[in-house]
C-alpha atoms as a PDB file:
ATOM      1  CA  MET A   1       0.143   0.171   0.113  1.00  0.00           C
ATOM      2  CA  LYS A   2       1.261   3.496  -0.959  1.00  0.00           C
ATOM      3  CA  LEU A   3       1.774   6.278   1.542  1.00  0.00           C
ATOM      4  CA  ALA A   4      -0.695   8.509  -0.434  1.00  0.00           C
ATOM      5  CA  GLU A   5      -3.132   5.886   0.080  1.00  0.00           C
ATOM      6  CA  ILE A   6      -2.663   5.622   3.767  1.00  0.00           C
ATOM      7  CA  LYS A   7      -2.942   9.617   4.084  1.00  0.00           C
ATOM      8  CA  ARG A   8      -6.283   9.346   2.217  1.00  0.00           C
ATOM      9  CA  ALA A   9      -7.434   6.634   4.612  1.00  0.00           C
ATOM     10  CA  LEU A  10      -6.350   8.447   7.458  1.00  0.00           C
ATOM     11  CA  LEU A  11      -7.921  11.433   6.388  1.00  0.00           C
ATOM     12  CA  LEU A  12     -11.399   9.924   5.584  1.00  0.00           C
ATOM     13  CA  LEU A  13     -11.335   8.175   9.205  1.00  0.00           C
ATOM     14  CA  VAL A  14     -10.861  11.686  11.165  1.00  0.00           C
ATOM     15  CA  ILE A  15     -13.671  13.100   8.725  1.00  0.00           C
ATOM     16  CA  PHE A  16     -15.862  10.283   9.464  1.00  0.00           C
ATOM     17  CA  MET A  17     -14.833  10.148  13.349  1.00  0.00           C
ATOM     18  CA  VAL A  18     -15.728  13.863  13.774  1.00  0.00           C
ATOM     19  CA  LEU A  19     -18.962  13.816  11.552  1.00  0.00           C
ATOM     20  CA  LEU A  20     -20.385  10.813  12.923  1.00  0.00           C
ATOM     21  CA  THR A  21     -19.166  11.396  16.616  1.00  0.00           C
ATOM     22  CA  VAL A  22     -19.519  15.113  16.873  1.00  0.00           C
ATOM     23  CA  ILE A  23     -21.528  16.968  14.361  1.00  0.00           C
ATOM     24  CA  TYR A  24     -24.286  14.153  13.975  1.00  0.00           C
ATOM     25  CA  PRO A  25     -25.030  13.835  17.239  1.00  0.00           C
ATOM     26  CA  ALA A  26     -25.304  17.496  17.753  1.00  0.00           C
ATOM     27  CA  VAL A  27     -27.593  18.228  14.997  1.00  0.00           C
ATOM     28  CA  VAL A  28     -29.872  15.554  16.383  1.00  0.00           C
ATOM     29  CA  THR A  29     -29.726  16.463  19.955  1.00  0.00           C
ATOM     30  CA  LEU A  30     -30.503  20.297  18.639  1.00  0.00           C
ATOM     31  CA  ALA A  31     -33.262  19.234  16.707  1.00  0.00           C
ATOM     32  CA  GLY A  32     -34.910  17.017  19.418  1.00  0.00           C
ATOM     33  CA  ARG A  33     -34.596  20.082  21.635  1.00  0.00           C
ATOM     34  CA  VAL A  34     -36.115  22.538  19.163  1.00  0.00           C
ATOM     35  CA  ALA A  35     -38.961  20.181  18.182  1.00  0.00           C
ATOM     36  CA  PHE A  36     -39.635  18.380  21.381  1.00  0.00           C
ATOM     37  CA  PRO A  37     -38.362  20.220  24.258  1.00  0.00           C
ATOM     38  CA  GLY A  38     -39.889  18.329  26.811  1.00  0.00           C
ATOM     39  CA  LYS A  39     -39.483  15.054  25.261  1.00  0.00           C
ATOM     40  CA  ALA A  40     -35.845  15.557  24.853  1.00  0.00           C
ATOM     41  CA  GLY A  41     -35.568  16.787  28.305  1.00  0.00           C
ATOM     42  CA  GLY A  42     -36.837  13.545  29.569  1.00  0.00           C
ATOM     43  CA  SER A  43     -40.523  14.525  29.864  1.00  0.00           C
ATOM     44  CA  LEU A  44     -40.317  15.928  33.462  1.00  0.00           C
ATOM     45  CA  ILE A  45     -42.879  16.710  35.625  1.00  0.00           C
ATOM     46  CA  GLN A  46     -42.581  19.934  37.811  1.00  0.00           C
ATOM     47  CA  GLN A  47     -44.657  21.339  40.932  1.00  0.00           C
ATOM     48  CA  ASN A  48     -44.145  24.759  42.006  1.00  0.00           C
ATOM     49  CA  GLY A  49     -40.851  24.732  39.820  1.00  0.00           C
ATOM     50  CA  VAL A  50     -39.429  21.573  41.485  1.00  0.00           C
ATOM     51  CA  VAL A  51     -39.253  18.503  39.341  1.00  0.00           C
ATOM     52  CA  VAL A  52     -41.050  15.725  41.085  1.00  0.00           C
ATOM     53  CA  GLY A  53     -40.509  12.876  38.542  1.00  0.00           C
ATOM     54  CA  SER A  54     -40.559  11.848  34.888  1.00  0.00           C
ATOM     55  CA  SER A  55     -43.964  10.939  33.069  1.00  0.00           C
ATOM     56  CA  LEU A  56     -41.818   8.068  31.688  1.00  0.00           C
ATOM     57  CA  ILE A  57     -40.305   6.704  34.827  1.00  0.00           C
ATOM     58  CA  GLY A  58     -42.664   4.921  37.618  1.00  0.00           C
ATOM     59  CA  GLN A  59     -42.530   5.921  41.461  1.00  0.00           C
ATOM     60  CA  PRO A  60     -43.331   4.047  44.134  1.00  0.00           C
ATOM     61  CA  PHE A  61     -46.606   4.479  46.208  1.00  0.00           C
ATOM     62  CA  SER A  62     -47.722   2.591  48.861  1.00  0.00           C
ATOM     63  CA  GLU A  63     -50.011   4.774  51.119  1.00  0.00           C
ATOM     64  CA  ALA A  64     -53.491   4.077  50.867  1.00  0.00           C
ATOM     65  CA  LYS A  65     -54.080   7.680  49.567  1.00  0.00           C
ATOM     66  CA  TYR A  66     -52.358   6.868  46.576  1.00  0.00           C
ATOM     67  CA  PHE A  67     -52.902   4.675  43.662  1.00  0.00           C
ATOM     68  CA  TRP A  68     -50.643   2.312  43.239  1.00  0.00           C
ATOM     69  CA  PRO A  69     -48.383   1.802  40.102  1.00  0.00           C
ATOM     70  CA  ARG A  70     -46.957  -1.656  38.524  1.00  0.00           C
ATOM     71  CA  PRO A  71     -44.695  -3.528  40.500  1.00  0.00           C
ATOM     72  CA  SER A  72     -41.069  -2.851  40.010  1.00  0.00           C
ATOM     73  CA  ALA A  73     -38.874  -5.568  38.793  1.00  0.00           C
ATOM     74  CA  THR A  74     -35.406  -3.211  39.406  1.00  0.00           C
ATOM     75  CA  ALA A  75     -36.257  -3.597  43.110  1.00  0.00           C
ATOM     76  CA  SER A  76     -36.729  -7.875  42.821  1.00  0.00           C
ATOM     77  CA  ASP A  77     -33.598 -10.052  43.882  1.00  0.00           C
ATOM     78  CA  GLY A  78     -32.031  -7.704  46.333  1.00  0.00           C
ATOM     79  CA  GLY A  79     -32.698  -4.705  44.541  1.00  0.00           C
ATOM     80  CA  SER A  80     -32.912  -1.530  46.710  1.00  0.00           C
ATOM     81  CA  MET A  81     -34.455   1.003  44.687  1.00  0.00           C
ATOM     82  CA  PRO A  82     -37.725   0.441  42.701  1.00  0.00           C
ATOM     83  CA  TYR A  83     -37.728   1.719  39.380  1.00  0.00           C
ATOM     84  CA  ASP A  84     -34.349   2.586  38.960  1.00  0.00           C
ATOM     85  CA  PRO A  85     -33.430   3.896  35.318  1.00  0.00           C
ATOM     86  CA  LEU A  86     -30.026   2.110  35.557  1.00  0.00           C
ATOM     87  CA  ALA A  87     -31.027  -1.334  36.334  1.00  0.00           C
ATOM     88  CA  SER A  88     -33.830  -1.252  34.141  1.00  0.00           C
ATOM     89  CA  GLY A  89     -35.021  -4.753  32.897  1.00  0.00           C
ATOM     90  CA  GLY A  90     -37.626  -7.384  33.195  1.00  0.00           C
ATOM     91  CA  SER A  91     -36.880 -10.066  36.392  1.00  0.00           C
ATOM     92  CA  ASN A  92     -36.969 -13.138  33.341  1.00  0.00           C
ATOM     93  CA  LEU A  93     -38.635 -15.391  35.605  1.00  0.00           C
ATOM     94  CA  GLY A  94     -40.884 -18.197  34.263  1.00  0.00           C
ATOM     95  CA  PRO A  95     -44.553 -18.232  35.485  1.00  0.00           C
ATOM     96  CA  THR A  96     -43.780 -21.163  37.735  1.00  0.00           C
ATOM     97  CA  ASN A  97     -40.669 -19.456  39.636  1.00  0.00           C
ATOM     98  CA  PRO A  98     -41.223 -19.554  43.325  1.00  0.00           C
ATOM     99  CA  LYS A  99     -39.643 -15.940  43.515  1.00  0.00           C
ATOM    100  CA  LEU A 100     -43.253 -15.018  41.607  1.00  0.00           C
ATOM    101  CA  VAL A 101     -45.835 -17.549  43.379  1.00  0.00           C
ATOM    102  CA  SER A 102     -44.850 -19.183  45.975  1.00  0.00           C
ATOM    103  CA  PRO A 103     -47.333 -21.982  48.118  1.00  0.00           C
ATOM    104  CA  ASP A 104     -46.808 -20.010  51.166  1.00  0.00           C
ATOM    105  CA  PRO A 105     -50.001 -17.436  51.320  1.00  0.00           C
ATOM    106  CA  GLY A 106     -48.506 -13.645  50.838  1.00  0.00           C
ATOM    107  CA  THR A 107     -44.923 -14.498  49.535  1.00  0.00           C
ATOM    108  CA  GLY A 108     -43.202 -14.362  46.029  1.00  0.00           C
ATOM    109  CA  GLU A 109     -43.691 -11.200  44.032  1.00  0.00           C
ATOM    110  CA  VAL A 110     -47.080 -11.722  42.449  1.00  0.00           C
ATOM    111  CA  SER A 111     -48.411 -13.366  45.240  1.00  0.00           C
ATOM    112  CA  GLY A 112     -47.134 -10.883  47.576  1.00  0.00           C
ATOM    113  CA  ALA A 113     -48.467  -8.151  45.562  1.00  0.00           C
ATOM    114  CA  ALA A 114     -51.760 -10.061  45.384  1.00  0.00           C
ATOM    115  CA  LYS A 115     -51.993  -9.977  48.806  1.00  0.00           C
ATOM    116  CA  ALA A 116     -51.288  -6.309  49.278  1.00  0.00           C
ATOM    117  CA  LEU A 117     -54.318  -5.817  47.057  1.00  0.00           C
ATOM    118  CA  ARG A 118     -56.663  -8.109  48.810  1.00  0.00           C
ATOM    119  CA  ASP A 119     -55.700  -6.531  52.077  1.00  0.00           C
ATOM    120  CA  SER A 120     -56.292  -3.166  50.935  1.00  0.00           C
ATOM    121  CA  GLY A 121     -59.711  -4.365  50.076  1.00  0.00           C
ATOM    122  CA  VAL A 122     -59.675  -5.090  46.440  1.00  0.00           C
ATOM    123  CA  THR A 123     -62.247  -7.833  45.621  1.00  0.00           C
ATOM    124  CA  GLY A 124     -62.608  -9.589  42.083  1.00  0.00           C
ATOM    125  CA  PRO A 125     -60.198 -10.615  39.543  1.00  0.00           C
ATOM    126  CA  LEU A 126     -56.717  -8.450  39.674  1.00  0.00           C
ATOM    127  CA  PRO A 127     -55.612  -6.524  36.801  1.00  0.00           C
ATOM    128  CA  ILE A 128     -52.601  -8.299  35.603  1.00  0.00           C
ATOM    129  CA  ASP A 129     -50.411  -5.102  35.587  1.00  0.00           C
ATOM    130  CA  LEU A 130     -50.874  -4.548  39.554  1.00  0.00           C
ATOM    131  CA  VAL A 131     -49.128  -7.869  40.243  1.00  0.00           C
ATOM    132  CA  THR A 132     -46.760  -8.050  37.510  1.00  0.00           C
ATOM    133  CA  SER A 133     -43.751  -5.765  36.731  1.00  0.00           C
ATOM    134  CA  SER A 134     -43.757  -4.426  32.812  1.00  0.00           C
ATOM    135  CA  GLY A 135     -40.612  -5.438  30.525  1.00  0.00           C
ATOM    136  CA  SER A 136     -38.447  -2.546  31.633  1.00  0.00           C
ATOM    137  CA  GLY A 137     -39.556  -2.545  35.369  1.00  0.00           C
ATOM    138  CA  LEU A 138     -40.097   1.490  34.752  1.00  0.00           C
ATOM    139  CA  ASP A 139     -43.572   1.596  33.827  1.00  0.00           C
ATOM    140  CA  PRO A 140     -45.275   4.805  34.737  1.00  0.00           C
ATOM    141  CA  ASP A 141     -48.585   3.760  33.485  1.00  0.00           C
ATOM    142  CA  ILE A 142     -51.472   1.675  34.714  1.00  0.00           C
ATOM    143  CA  THR A 143     -54.381   0.158  32.727  1.00  0.00           C
ATOM    144  CA  ILE A 144     -57.868   1.942  33.756  1.00  0.00           C
ATOM    145  CA  GLU A 145     -58.973  -1.875  35.175  1.00  0.00           C
ATOM    146  CA  ALA A 146     -56.268  -1.358  37.333  1.00  0.00           C
ATOM    147  CA  ALA A 147     -56.974   2.504  38.238  1.00  0.00           C
ATOM    148  CA  ASN A 148     -60.927   1.324  38.471  1.00  0.00           C
ATOM    149  CA  VAL A 149     -60.249  -1.269  41.428  1.00  0.00           C
ATOM    150  CA  GLN A 150     -58.570   1.318  43.396  1.00  0.00           C
ATOM    151  CA  VAL A 151     -60.533   4.303  43.389  1.00  0.00           C
ATOM    152  CA  ALA A 152     -62.820   2.595  46.903  1.00  0.00           C
ATOM    153  CA  ARG A 153     -59.606   2.521  48.741  1.00  0.00           C
ATOM    154  CA  VAL A 154     -58.265   5.740  47.718  1.00  0.00           C
ATOM    155  CA  ALA A 155     -61.629   7.521  48.259  1.00  0.00           C
ATOM    156  CA  ALA A 156     -61.844   6.022  51.891  1.00  0.00           C
ATOM    157  CA  ALA A 157     -58.175   6.833  52.581  1.00  0.00           C
ATOM    158  CA  ARG A 158     -59.011  10.737  51.735  1.00  0.00           C
ATOM    159  CA  ASN A 159     -62.160  11.126  52.852  1.00  0.00           C
ATOM    160  CA  MET A 160     -63.539  12.263  49.463  1.00  0.00           C
ATOM    161  CA  PRO A 161     -66.833  10.679  47.368  1.00  0.00           C
ATOM    162  CA  ALA A 162     -65.680   7.769  45.175  1.00  0.00           C
ATOM    163  CA  PRO A 163     -67.649   9.156  42.217  1.00  0.00           C
ATOM    164  CA  LYS A 164     -65.040  12.649  42.880  1.00  0.00           C
ATOM    165  CA  VAL A 165     -62.035  10.009  42.702  1.00  0.00           C
ATOM    166  CA  GLN A 166     -63.499   8.026  39.606  1.00  0.00           C
ATOM    167  CA  GLN A 167     -63.771  11.113  37.765  1.00  0.00           C
ATOM    168  CA  ILE A 168     -60.023  12.340  38.461  1.00  0.00           C
ATOM    169  CA  VAL A 169     -59.416   8.770  37.158  1.00  0.00           C
ATOM    170  CA  ASP A 170     -61.599   9.310  34.048  1.00  0.00           C
ATOM    171  CA  ASP A 171     -59.827  12.703  33.136  1.00  0.00           C
ATOM    172  CA  HIS A 172     -56.890  11.292  33.312  1.00  0.00           C
ATOM    173  CA  ILE A 173     -56.836   8.457  30.868  1.00  0.00           C
ATOM    174  CA  GLU A 174     -54.537   8.593  28.103  1.00  0.00           C
ATOM    175  CA  GLY A 175     -55.476   7.011  24.676  1.00  0.00           C
ATOM    176  CA  ARG A 176     -53.897   4.824  22.447  1.00  0.00           C
ATOM    177  CA  TRP A 177     -51.119   5.747  20.824  1.00  0.00           C
ATOM    178  CA  LEU A 178     -52.465   7.497  17.208  1.00  0.00           C
ATOM    179  CA  GLY A 179     -55.723   6.141  18.418  1.00  0.00           C
ATOM    180  CA  PHE A 180     -55.357   2.489  17.419  1.00  0.00           C
ATOM    181  CA  MET A 181     -52.216   1.377  18.799  1.00  0.00           C
ATOM    182  CA  GLY A 182     -51.461   0.176  22.278  1.00  0.00           C
ATOM    183  CA  THR A 183     -53.820   0.503  25.271  1.00  0.00           C
ATOM    184  CA  GLU A 184     -55.801   2.967  27.104  1.00  0.00           C
ATOM    185  CA  ARG A 185     -53.925   3.920  29.945  1.00  0.00           C
ATOM    186  CA  VAL A 186     -53.303   6.203  33.345  1.00  0.00           C
ATOM    187  CA  ASN A 187     -50.027   7.857  34.308  1.00  0.00           C
ATOM    188  CA  VAL A 188     -50.037   7.167  38.196  1.00  0.00           C
ATOM    189  CA  LEU A 189     -47.761   9.893  39.213  1.00  0.00           C
ATOM    190  CA  GLU A 190     -50.041  12.475  37.045  1.00  0.00           C
ATOM    191  CA  LEU A 191     -53.073  10.973  38.748  1.00  0.00           C
ATOM    192  CA  ASN A 192     -51.604  11.267  42.349  1.00  0.00           C
ATOM    193  CA  MET A 193     -50.696  14.827  41.963  1.00  0.00           C
ATOM    194  CA  ALA A 194     -54.086  15.774  40.704  1.00  0.00           C
ATOM    195  CA  LEU A 195     -55.620  13.788  43.506  1.00  0.00           C
ATOM    196  CA  ASP A 196     -53.164  15.873  45.980  1.00  0.00           C
ATOM    197  CA  ARG A 197     -54.740  19.368  43.951  1.00  0.00           C
ATOM    198  CA  ALA A 198     -58.166  18.061  44.517  1.00  0.00           C
ATOM    199  CA  GLY A 199     -57.693  17.807  48.607  1.00  0.00           C
END
């Protein structure tokens, strides 16, 4: 190989390295911030000028006066922090794994979540998203059914009429993406913030 060819190859390497590792990411980042400033910034939710979370990442709520989210897979297997974005991922446990469902009542992730819901007064079939984590373990949303089964508990804990709590849930239903993809859902953080504002 001639020296001139090596120089051309090195020059192309430097040009493409600068183009693809500096210029292209900068242009895409700038375009995202201009076209979608909220989403590019992490879809952060603020309350009184203070960031309280993101609409994309779940938060743990366990008090009776709040709607409970999906369980978080990032807290399983000894994880110390639920909804930890650095540990995102499902548990990869099979449906018969004793860590999920144990013969001892109330133990195991799924049966433990089911027991907590039953103890809180939820009757009838349990929505699957209240006892299992999502694929990422960070899901901020629950189904409408999962919100509806919690209305009575939240209303009693807040001493609010159940129809008022139900109306707040109904006001926070997010439709399917593009009108047909996915399922209707409720963002738990935004719903709980609305409840706090309502009293």
